[in-house]
Amino acid sequence: QVQLVESGGGLVQAGGSLRLSCAASGRILSIRTIGWYRQAPGNQRELVARISGEITNYDDSVKGRFTISRDNANNTLYLQMQMNSLTPEDTAVYYCNARDHVLQYWGQGVQVTVSS
């Protein structure tokens, strides 16, 4: 099992920045892909960015504005996402997601609200 705990998020004005963090614990050595998804009201959950091995992927809508990175310390895998030049269209609940060979895991989600 893998446990994911997100932090960060909040309310910011358009053009501002926020940083999200996800702490993964448990069977972190089994994780093959880890990343962020988001879900806005009335919309499906969508991929924002993810790291799989040495490969990082970003949705086109966030390329050049968002940056994800990962680090390991104290038997915990940390996934960070720096979000710059935020727009109201980035308003959503952001979820950390991790996948091993069989299962996927989700965090509880954090709200990001960007005011115009």
N, C-alpha and C. Protein backbone atom coordinates (compact mmCIF):
# COMPACT_ATOMS: atom_id res chain seq x y z
N GLN A 1 0.83 -1.20 0.00
CA GLN A 1 0.00 0.00 0.00
C GLN A 1 0.87 1.25 0.00
N VAL A 2 0.33 2.28 -0.58
CA VAL A 2 0.99 3.58 -0.62
C VAL A 2 0.01 4.61 -0.06
N GLN A 3 0.50 5.45 0.81
CA GLN A 3 -0.31 6.53 1.36
C GLN A 3 0.20 7.85 0.81
N LEU A 4 -0.73 8.71 0.41
CA LEU A 4 -0.40 9.99 -0.17
C LEU A 4 -1.06 11.10 0.63
N VAL A 5 -0.27 12.08 1.02
CA VAL A 5 -0.79 13.22 1.77
C VAL A 5 -0.36 14.50 1.08
N GLU A 6 -1.33 15.28 0.64
CA GLU A 6 -1.03 16.53 -0.06
C GLU A 6 -1.05 17.70 0.92
N SER A 7 -0.33 18.74 0.56
CA SER A 7 -0.38 20.00 1.29
C SER A 7 -0.12 21.13 0.31
N GLY A 8 -0.37 22.33 0.78
CA GLY A 8 -0.26 23.49 -0.09
C GLY A 8 -1.63 23.88 -0.62
N GLY A 9 -1.67 24.57 -1.70
CA GLY A 9 -2.94 25.04 -2.23
C GLY A 9 -3.40 26.28 -1.53
N GLY A 10 -4.63 26.69 -1.86
CA GLY A 10 -5.20 27.88 -1.25
C GLY A 10 -5.75 28.83 -2.27
N LEU A 11 -5.85 30.08 -1.88
CA LEU A 11 -6.43 31.12 -2.74
C LEU A 11 -5.33 32.07 -3.17
N VAL A 12 -5.30 32.37 -4.46
CA VAL A 12 -4.28 33.28 -4.99
C VAL A 12 -4.90 34.09 -6.11
N GLN A 13 -4.38 35.27 -6.34
CA GLN A 13 -4.85 36.09 -7.45
C GLN A 13 -4.23 35.63 -8.76
N ALA A 14 -4.91 35.91 -9.84
CA ALA A 14 -4.38 35.57 -11.17
C ALA A 14 -3.00 36.17 -11.33
N GLY A 15 -2.11 35.35 -11.91
CA GLY A 15 -0.73 35.77 -12.07
C GLY A 15 0.17 35.35 -10.93
N GLY A 16 -0.42 34.89 -9.87
CA GLY A 16 0.35 34.49 -8.70
C GLY A 16 0.87 33.08 -8.80
N SER A 17 1.46 32.62 -7.70
CA SER A 17 2.10 31.31 -7.65
C SER A 17 1.67 30.55 -6.40
N LEU A 18 1.68 29.24 -6.53
CA LEU A 18 1.45 28.35 -5.40
C LEU A 18 2.35 27.14 -5.55
N ARG A 19 2.58 26.47 -4.44
CA ARG A 19 3.39 25.26 -4.46
C ARG A 19 2.62 24.16 -3.75
N LEU A 20 2.45 23.04 -4.45
CA LEU A 20 1.81 21.87 -3.86
C LEU A 20 2.86 20.83 -3.52
N SER A 21 2.60 20.12 -2.44
CA SER A 21 3.49 19.04 -2.03
C SER A 21 2.68 17.77 -1.78
N CYS A 22 3.30 16.66 -2.07
CA CYS A 22 2.69 15.36 -1.82
C CYS A 22 3.74 14.48 -1.16
N ALA A 23 3.39 13.92 -0.01
CA ALA A 23 4.29 13.01 0.69
C ALA A 23 3.76 11.59 0.54
N ALA A 24 4.55 10.73 -0.07
CA ALA A 24 4.16 9.34 -0.28
C ALA A 24 4.92 8.46 0.70
N SER A 25 4.19 7.60 1.39
CA SER A 25 4.81 6.68 2.34
C SER A 25 4.27 5.28 2.10
N GLY A 26 4.86 4.32 2.76
CA GLY A 26 4.47 2.93 2.56
C GLY A 26 5.40 2.26 1.56
N ARG A 27 4.84 1.57 0.59
CA ARG A 27 5.63 0.82 -0.39
C ARG A 27 6.10 1.73 -1.52
N ILE A 28 6.89 2.72 -1.17
CA ILE A 28 7.28 3.73 -2.17
C ILE A 28 8.22 3.15 -3.23
N LEU A 29 8.91 2.08 -2.91
CA LEU A 29 9.80 1.48 -3.91
C LEU A 29 9.02 0.83 -5.05
N SER A 30 7.73 0.58 -4.83
CA SER A 30 6.91 -0.02 -5.87
C SER A 30 6.33 1.01 -6.84
N ILE A 31 6.46 2.28 -6.49
CA ILE A 31 5.87 3.33 -7.32
C ILE A 31 6.60 3.44 -8.65
N ARG A 32 5.85 3.39 -9.73
CA ARG A 32 6.43 3.53 -11.07
C ARG A 32 6.14 4.92 -11.65
N THR A 33 4.98 5.46 -11.33
CA THR A 33 4.60 6.78 -11.83
C THR A 33 3.96 7.56 -10.69
N ILE A 34 4.31 8.84 -10.60
CA ILE A 34 3.68 9.69 -9.60
C ILE A 34 3.43 11.05 -10.22
N GLY A 35 2.30 11.64 -9.90
CA GLY A 35 1.99 12.91 -10.53
C GLY A 35 0.79 13.58 -9.91
N TRP A 36 0.34 14.63 -10.59
CA TRP A 36 -0.78 15.44 -10.14
C TRP A 36 -1.90 15.41 -11.17
N TYR A 37 -3.12 15.28 -10.67
CA TYR A 37 -4.33 15.43 -11.47
C TYR A 37 -5.13 16.57 -10.86
N ARG A 38 -6.08 17.07 -11.61
CA ARG A 38 -6.98 18.09 -11.07
C ARG A 38 -8.39 17.86 -11.59
N GLN A 39 -9.34 18.35 -10.81
CA GLN A 39 -10.74 18.23 -11.20
C GLN A 39 -11.46 19.52 -10.83
N ALA A 40 -11.95 20.19 -11.85
CA ALA A 40 -12.75 21.39 -11.66
C ALA A 40 -14.22 21.00 -11.60
N PRO A 41 -15.05 21.82 -10.96
CA PRO A 41 -16.48 21.50 -10.85
C PRO A 41 -17.11 21.22 -12.21
N GLY A 42 -17.81 20.12 -12.33
CA GLY A 42 -18.48 19.76 -13.57
C GLY A 42 -17.57 19.14 -14.61
N ASN A 43 -16.29 19.02 -14.30
CA ASN A 43 -15.34 18.46 -15.27
C ASN A 43 -14.81 17.11 -14.79
N GLN A 44 -14.26 16.36 -15.73
CA GLN A 44 -13.61 15.11 -15.36
C GLN A 44 -12.23 15.40 -14.78
N ARG A 45 -11.73 14.46 -14.01
CA ARG A 45 -10.38 14.58 -13.48
C ARG A 45 -9.39 14.45 -14.64
N GLU A 46 -8.41 15.34 -14.67
CA GLU A 46 -7.46 15.35 -15.77
C GLU A 46 -6.03 15.39 -15.26
N LEU A 47 -5.15 14.81 -16.07
CA LEU A 47 -3.73 14.81 -15.74
C LEU A 47 -3.16 16.22 -15.88
N VAL A 48 -2.37 16.61 -14.88
CA VAL A 48 -1.66 17.88 -14.95
C VAL A 48 -0.20 17.64 -15.31
N ALA A 49 0.45 16.78 -14.54
CA ALA A 49 1.86 16.48 -14.77
C ALA A 49 2.20 15.19 -14.03
N ARG A 50 3.19 14.48 -14.54
CA ARG A 50 3.57 13.24 -13.88
C ARG A 50 5.02 12.91 -14.20
N ILE A 51 5.61 12.12 -13.34
CA ILE A 51 6.97 11.64 -13.52
C ILE A 51 6.91 10.11 -13.57
N SER A 52 7.51 9.57 -14.60
CA SER A 52 7.61 8.12 -14.74
C SER A 52 9.06 7.80 -15.06
N GLY A 53 9.76 7.28 -14.08
CA GLY A 53 11.19 7.07 -14.26
C GLY A 53 11.89 8.39 -14.48
N GLU A 54 12.55 8.51 -15.61
CA GLU A 54 13.26 9.74 -15.95
C GLU A 54 12.43 10.66 -16.84
N ILE A 55 11.19 10.27 -17.12
CA ILE A 55 10.35 11.02 -18.05
C ILE A 55 9.32 11.84 -17.28
N THR A 56 9.24 13.11 -17.65
CA THR A 56 8.26 14.01 -17.06
C THR A 56 7.31 14.48 -18.17
N ASN A 57 6.02 14.42 -17.89
CA ASN A 57 5.01 14.86 -18.84
C ASN A 57 4.14 15.95 -18.23
N TYR A 58 3.80 16.92 -19.04
CA TYR A 58 2.92 18.00 -18.63
C TYR A 58 1.76 18.12 -19.60
N ASP A 59 0.59 18.44 -19.07
CA ASP A 59 -0.51 18.79 -19.96
C ASP A 59 -0.14 20.09 -20.67
N ASP A 60 -0.60 20.23 -21.91
CA ASP A 60 -0.25 21.41 -22.69
C ASP A 60 -0.66 22.70 -21.98
N SER A 61 -1.75 22.64 -21.22
CA SER A 61 -2.27 23.86 -20.60
C SER A 61 -1.36 24.41 -19.50
N VAL A 62 -0.44 23.60 -19.01
CA VAL A 62 0.41 24.04 -17.91
C VAL A 62 1.89 24.09 -18.28
N LYS A 63 2.23 23.67 -19.49
CA LYS A 63 3.63 23.69 -19.91
C LYS A 63 4.19 25.10 -19.82
N GLY A 64 5.38 25.20 -19.26
CA GLY A 64 6.02 26.49 -19.11
C GLY A 64 5.59 27.26 -17.88
N ARG A 65 4.55 26.78 -17.21
CA ARG A 65 4.07 27.47 -16.00
C ARG A 65 4.24 26.59 -14.75
N PHE A 66 4.03 25.30 -14.89
CA PHE A 66 4.13 24.37 -13.77
C PHE A 66 5.39 23.53 -13.89
N THR A 67 5.97 23.21 -12.76
CA THR A 67 7.15 22.36 -12.72
C THR A 67 7.01 21.36 -11.58
N ILE A 68 7.16 20.07 -11.90
CA ILE A 68 7.13 19.06 -10.85
C ILE A 68 8.53 18.52 -10.62
N SER A 69 8.75 18.08 -9.40
CA SER A 69 10.03 17.49 -9.03
C SER A 69 9.78 16.49 -7.91
N ARG A 70 10.70 15.53 -7.78
CA ARG A 70 10.56 14.53 -6.73
C ARG A 70 11.84 14.39 -5.96
N ASP A 71 11.71 13.95 -4.73
CA ASP A 71 12.87 13.78 -3.86
C ASP A 71 12.54 12.69 -2.86
N ASN A 72 13.54 12.02 -2.38
CA ASN A 72 13.36 10.97 -1.37
C ASN A 72 14.11 11.34 -0.12
N ALA A 73 13.48 11.17 1.03
CA ALA A 73 14.13 11.42 2.30
C ALA A 73 13.35 10.70 3.40
N ASN A 74 14.06 10.09 4.31
CA ASN A 74 13.43 9.47 5.48
C ASN A 74 12.31 8.51 5.10
N ASN A 75 12.59 7.63 4.12
CA ASN A 75 11.62 6.62 3.67
C ASN A 75 10.33 7.24 3.16
N THR A 76 10.41 8.47 2.71
CA THR A 76 9.25 9.16 2.15
C THR A 76 9.62 9.73 0.80
N LEU A 77 8.70 9.60 -0.14
CA LEU A 77 8.89 10.19 -1.45
C LEU A 77 8.11 11.50 -1.48
N TYR A 78 8.78 12.56 -1.83
CA TYR A 78 8.13 13.87 -1.88
C TYR A 78 7.99 14.31 -3.34
N LEU A 79 6.78 14.71 -3.69
CA LEU A 79 6.51 15.25 -5.02
C LEU A 79 6.07 16.70 -4.85
N GLN A 80 6.77 17.58 -5.51
CA GLN A 80 6.44 19.00 -5.43
C GLN A 80 5.92 19.47 -6.79
N MET A 81 5.07 20.44 -6.76
CA MET A 81 4.66 21.08 -8.01
C MET A 81 4.60 22.59 -7.79
N GLN A 82 5.48 23.28 -8.47
CA GLN A 82 5.50 24.74 -8.45
C GLN A 82 4.60 25.24 -9.56
N MET A 83 3.62 26.06 -9.19
CA MET A 83 2.65 26.57 -10.16
C MET A 83 2.80 28.07 -10.25
N ASN A 84 3.19 28.56 -11.41
CA ASN A 84 3.39 29.99 -11.64
C ASN A 84 2.38 30.50 -12.66
N SER A 85 2.25 31.81 -12.71
CA SER A 85 1.36 32.46 -13.68
C SER A 85 -0.03 31.82 -13.68
N LEU A 86 -0.57 31.64 -12.50
CA LEU A 86 -1.86 30.97 -12.38
C LEU A 86 -2.98 31.81 -12.97
N THR A 87 -3.94 31.13 -13.54
CA THR A 87 -5.13 31.76 -14.11
C THR A 87 -6.38 31.16 -13.46
N PRO A 88 -7.51 31.84 -13.58
CA PRO A 88 -8.75 31.27 -13.01
C PRO A 88 -9.06 29.88 -13.55
N GLU A 89 -8.60 29.58 -14.76
CA GLU A 89 -8.84 28.26 -15.34
C GLU A 89 -8.07 27.15 -14.61
N ASP A 90 -7.13 27.52 -13.77
CA ASP A 90 -6.39 26.53 -12.97
C ASP A 90 -7.14 26.18 -11.69
N THR A 91 -8.24 26.85 -11.41
CA THR A 91 -9.01 26.55 -10.22
C THR A 91 -9.56 25.14 -10.27
N ALA A 92 -9.25 24.36 -9.26
CA ALA A 92 -9.67 22.95 -9.22
C ALA A 92 -9.22 22.34 -7.89
N VAL A 93 -9.68 21.13 -7.65
CA VAL A 93 -9.10 20.31 -6.60
C VAL A 93 -7.96 19.51 -7.23
N TYR A 94 -6.81 19.58 -6.63
CA TYR A 94 -5.62 18.91 -7.15
C TYR A 94 -5.34 17.66 -6.32
N TYR A 95 -5.12 16.56 -7.04
CA TYR A 95 -4.92 15.26 -6.40
C TYR A 95 -3.54 14.69 -6.76
N CYS A 96 -2.87 14.19 -5.76
CA CYS A 96 -1.65 13.44 -5.99
C CYS A 96 -2.03 12.00 -6.35
N ASN A 97 -1.33 11.44 -7.31
CA ASN A 97 -1.62 10.09 -7.78
C ASN A 97 -0.32 9.30 -7.92
N ALA A 98 -0.35 8.07 -7.46
CA ALA A 98 0.80 7.19 -7.61
C ALA A 98 0.33 5.84 -8.15
N ARG A 99 1.16 5.24 -8.98
CA ARG A 99 0.81 3.95 -9.58
C ARG A 99 1.97 2.99 -9.43
N ASP A 100 1.65 1.73 -9.10
CA ASP A 100 2.64 0.68 -9.18
C ASP A 100 2.24 -0.23 -10.36
N HIS A 101 2.71 -1.47 -10.38
CA HIS A 101 2.39 -2.34 -11.51
C HIS A 101 0.92 -2.73 -11.58
N VAL A 102 0.22 -2.61 -10.46
CA VAL A 102 -1.14 -3.14 -10.40
C VAL A 102 -2.16 -2.07 -10.02
N LEU A 103 -1.83 -1.30 -9.02
CA LEU A 103 -2.80 -0.40 -8.41
C LEU A 103 -2.42 1.06 -8.61
N GLN A 104 -3.39 1.92 -8.39
CA GLN A 104 -3.12 3.34 -8.31
C GLN A 104 -3.69 3.87 -7.00
N TYR A 105 -3.10 4.90 -6.51
CA TYR A 105 -3.44 5.47 -5.23
C TYR A 105 -3.70 6.97 -5.40
N TRP A 106 -4.61 7.48 -4.57
CA TRP A 106 -4.96 8.90 -4.63
C TRP A 106 -4.83 9.54 -3.26
N GLY A 107 -4.41 10.79 -3.27
CA GLY A 107 -4.46 11.58 -2.07
C GLY A 107 -5.87 12.14 -1.87
N GLN A 108 -6.03 12.90 -0.79
CA GLN A 108 -7.37 13.40 -0.46
C GLN A 108 -7.74 14.65 -1.27
N GLY A 109 -6.76 15.26 -1.89
CA GLY A 109 -7.02 16.44 -2.70
C GLY A 109 -6.84 17.73 -1.94
N VAL A 110 -6.38 18.76 -2.64
CA VAL A 110 -6.26 20.10 -2.08
C VAL A 110 -6.89 21.09 -3.04
N GLN A 111 -7.54 22.08 -2.49
CA GLN A 111 -8.22 23.08 -3.31
C GLN A 111 -7.25 24.18 -3.71
N VAL A 112 -7.28 24.49 -4.99
CA VAL A 112 -6.56 25.64 -5.52
C VAL A 112 -7.61 26.56 -6.16
N THR A 113 -7.66 27.78 -5.69
CA THR A 113 -8.60 28.75 -6.22
C THR A 113 -7.84 29.97 -6.69
N VAL A 114 -8.04 30.33 -7.95
CA VAL A 114 -7.38 31.49 -8.53
C VAL A 114 -8.44 32.53 -8.86
N SER A 115 -8.33 33.67 -8.23
CA SER A 115 -9.31 34.74 -8.46
C SER A 115 -8.84 35.66 -9.57
N SER A 116 -9.80 36.21 -10.28
CA SER A 116 -9.46 37.09 -11.41
C SER A 116 -9.31 38.53 -10.96
